[in-house]
Amino acid sequence: MRVVSEGVNSLLGPGMGVLIITHYQRILNYIKPDFAHVLVDGRIVLDGGPELALEVEERGYEKIIQEARAATTPA
């Protein structure tokens, strides 16, 4: 993971962006994101900065998924 992240970090710059899709916060110990988004059922339900990845790591996905689905379920 460290070797891959070093390669990614070497490419980052004003003319190059990177999209990382992961279920694990650990890669973000090596690659610092500018933005983080949580997708549920193909929709972005939360976005934020690097702190969002830590929040998801602490809370888990299940609660976020439940909240997202509750918010989109018609009454």
C-alpha atoms as a PDB file:
ATOM      1  CA  MET A   1       0.000   0.000   0.000  1.00  0.00           C
ATOM      2  CA  ARG A   2       2.847   2.350   0.822  1.00  0.00           C
ATOM      3  CA  VAL A   3       4.564   1.751  -2.526  1.00  0.00           C
ATOM      4  CA  VAL A   4       1.356   2.337  -4.483  1.00  0.00           C
ATOM      5  CA  SER A   5       0.575   5.489  -2.524  1.00  0.00           C
ATOM      6  CA  GLU A   6       4.068   6.858  -3.168  1.00  0.00           C
ATOM      7  CA  GLY A   7       3.462   6.407  -6.900  1.00  0.00           C
ATOM      8  CA  VAL A   8       0.076   8.115  -6.703  1.00  0.00           C
ATOM      9  CA  ASN A   9       1.451  10.981  -4.611  1.00  0.00           C
ATOM     10  CA  SER A  10       4.276  11.522  -7.114  1.00  0.00           C
ATOM     11  CA  LEU A  11       1.679  12.098  -9.864  1.00  0.00           C
ATOM     12  CA  LEU A  12      -0.495  14.553  -7.948  1.00  0.00           C
ATOM     13  CA  GLY A  13      -0.194  18.199  -8.845  1.00  0.00           C
ATOM     14  CA  PRO A  14      -2.015  21.171 -10.345  1.00  0.00           C
ATOM     15  CA  GLY A  15      -2.512  19.368 -13.666  1.00  0.00           C
ATOM     16  CA  MET A  16      -3.365  15.931 -12.293  1.00  0.00           C
ATOM     17  CA  GLY A  17      -6.156  14.738 -10.057  1.00  0.00           C
ATOM     18  CA  VAL A  18      -6.812  11.257  -8.730  1.00  0.00           C
ATOM     19  CA  LEU A  19     -10.050   9.490  -7.871  1.00  0.00           C
ATOM     20  CA  ILE A  20      -9.690   6.780  -5.256  1.00  0.00           C
ATOM     21  CA  ILE A  21     -12.634   4.528  -4.518  1.00  0.00           C
ATOM     22  CA  THR A  22     -12.138   2.524  -1.342  1.00  0.00           C
ATOM     23  CA  HIS A  23     -13.943   0.963   1.593  1.00  0.00           C
ATOM     24  CA  TYR A  24     -10.886   1.308   3.800  1.00  0.00           C
ATOM     25  CA  GLN A  25      -9.563   4.428   5.460  1.00  0.00           C
ATOM     26  CA  ARG A  26      -6.069   2.939   5.724  1.00  0.00           C
ATOM     27  CA  ILE A  27      -5.011   4.011   2.202  1.00  0.00           C
ATOM     28  CA  LEU A  28      -5.838   7.559   3.258  1.00  0.00           C
ATOM     29  CA  ASN A  29      -3.052   7.383   5.831  1.00  0.00           C
ATOM     30  CA  TYR A  30      -0.726   7.608   2.829  1.00  0.00           C
ATOM     31  CA  ILE A  31      -2.742   9.663   0.336  1.00  0.00           C
ATOM     32  CA  LYS A  32      -4.394  12.757   1.794  1.00  0.00           C
ATOM     33  CA  PRO A  33      -7.705  13.514   0.075  1.00  0.00           C
ATOM     34  CA  ASP A  34      -8.994  17.003  -0.584  1.00  0.00           C
ATOM     35  CA  PHE A  35     -12.586  15.719  -0.593  1.00  0.00           C
ATOM     36  CA  ALA A  36     -14.406  12.599   0.572  1.00  0.00           C
ATOM     37  CA  HIS A  37     -17.799  11.358  -0.567  1.00  0.00           C
ATOM     38  CA  VAL A  38     -19.972   8.469   0.591  1.00  0.00           C
ATOM     39  CA  LEU A  39     -22.078   6.715  -2.024  1.00  0.00           C
ATOM     40  CA  VAL A  40     -25.134   4.616  -1.196  1.00  0.00           C
ATOM     41  CA  ASP A  41     -27.076   2.910  -3.973  1.00  0.00           C
ATOM     42  CA  GLY A  42     -25.123   4.911  -6.564  1.00  0.00           C
ATOM     43  CA  ARG A  43     -25.872   8.310  -5.004  1.00  0.00           C
ATOM     44  CA  ILE A  44     -23.642  10.640  -3.024  1.00  0.00           C
ATOM     45  CA  VAL A  45     -25.270  10.879   0.407  1.00  0.00           C
ATOM     46  CA  LEU A  46     -22.459  12.605   2.327  1.00  0.00           C
ATOM     47  CA  ASP A  47     -19.528  14.738   1.338  1.00  0.00           C
ATOM     48  CA  GLY A  48     -16.822  16.499   3.227  1.00  0.00           C
ATOM     49  CA  GLY A  49     -13.114  16.738   3.706  1.00  0.00           C
ATOM     50  CA  PRO A  50     -10.583  14.209   4.945  1.00  0.00           C
ATOM     51  CA  GLU A  51     -12.316  14.117   8.329  1.00  0.00           C
ATOM     52  CA  LEU A  52     -15.313  12.386   6.719  1.00  0.00           C
ATOM     53  CA  ALA A  53     -13.226   9.297   6.002  1.00  0.00           C
ATOM     54  CA  LEU A  54     -12.253   9.130   9.673  1.00  0.00           C
ATOM     55  CA  GLU A  55     -15.886   9.571  10.718  1.00  0.00           C
ATOM     56  CA  VAL A  56     -16.949   6.684   8.476  1.00  0.00           C
ATOM     57  CA  GLU A  57     -14.148   4.564   9.912  1.00  0.00           C
ATOM     58  CA  GLU A  58     -15.410   5.272  13.438  1.00  0.00           C
ATOM     59  CA  ARG A  59     -19.182   5.044  12.794  1.00  0.00           C
ATOM     60  CA  GLY A  60     -19.144   2.396  10.111  1.00  0.00           C
ATOM     61  CA  TYR A  61     -21.176   2.354   6.933  1.00  0.00           C
ATOM     62  CA  GLU A  62     -24.307   0.696   8.284  1.00  0.00           C
ATOM     63  CA  LYS A  63     -25.608   3.717  10.197  1.00  0.00           C
ATOM     64  CA  ILE A  64     -24.855   6.027   7.250  1.00  0.00           C
ATOM     65  CA  ILE A  65     -26.662   3.654   4.867  1.00  0.00           C
ATOM     66  CA  GLN A  66     -29.702   3.489   7.156  1.00  0.00           C
ATOM     67  CA  GLU A  67     -29.824   7.287   7.484  1.00  0.00           C
ATOM     68  CA  ALA A  68     -29.456   7.780   3.716  1.00  0.00           C
ATOM     69  CA  ARG A  69     -32.197   5.303   2.893  1.00  0.00           C
ATOM     70  CA  ALA A  70     -34.518   6.773   5.536  1.00  0.00           C
ATOM     71  CA  ALA A  71     -34.012  10.232   4.054  1.00  0.00           C
ATOM     72  CA  THR A  72     -35.001   9.064   0.565  1.00  0.00           C
ATOM     73  CA  THR A  73     -37.919   6.786   1.526  1.00  0.00           C
ATOM     74  CA  PRO A  74     -41.288   8.431   0.833  1.00  0.00           C
ATOM     75  CA  ALA A  75     -43.482   8.880   3.900  1.00  0.00           C
END
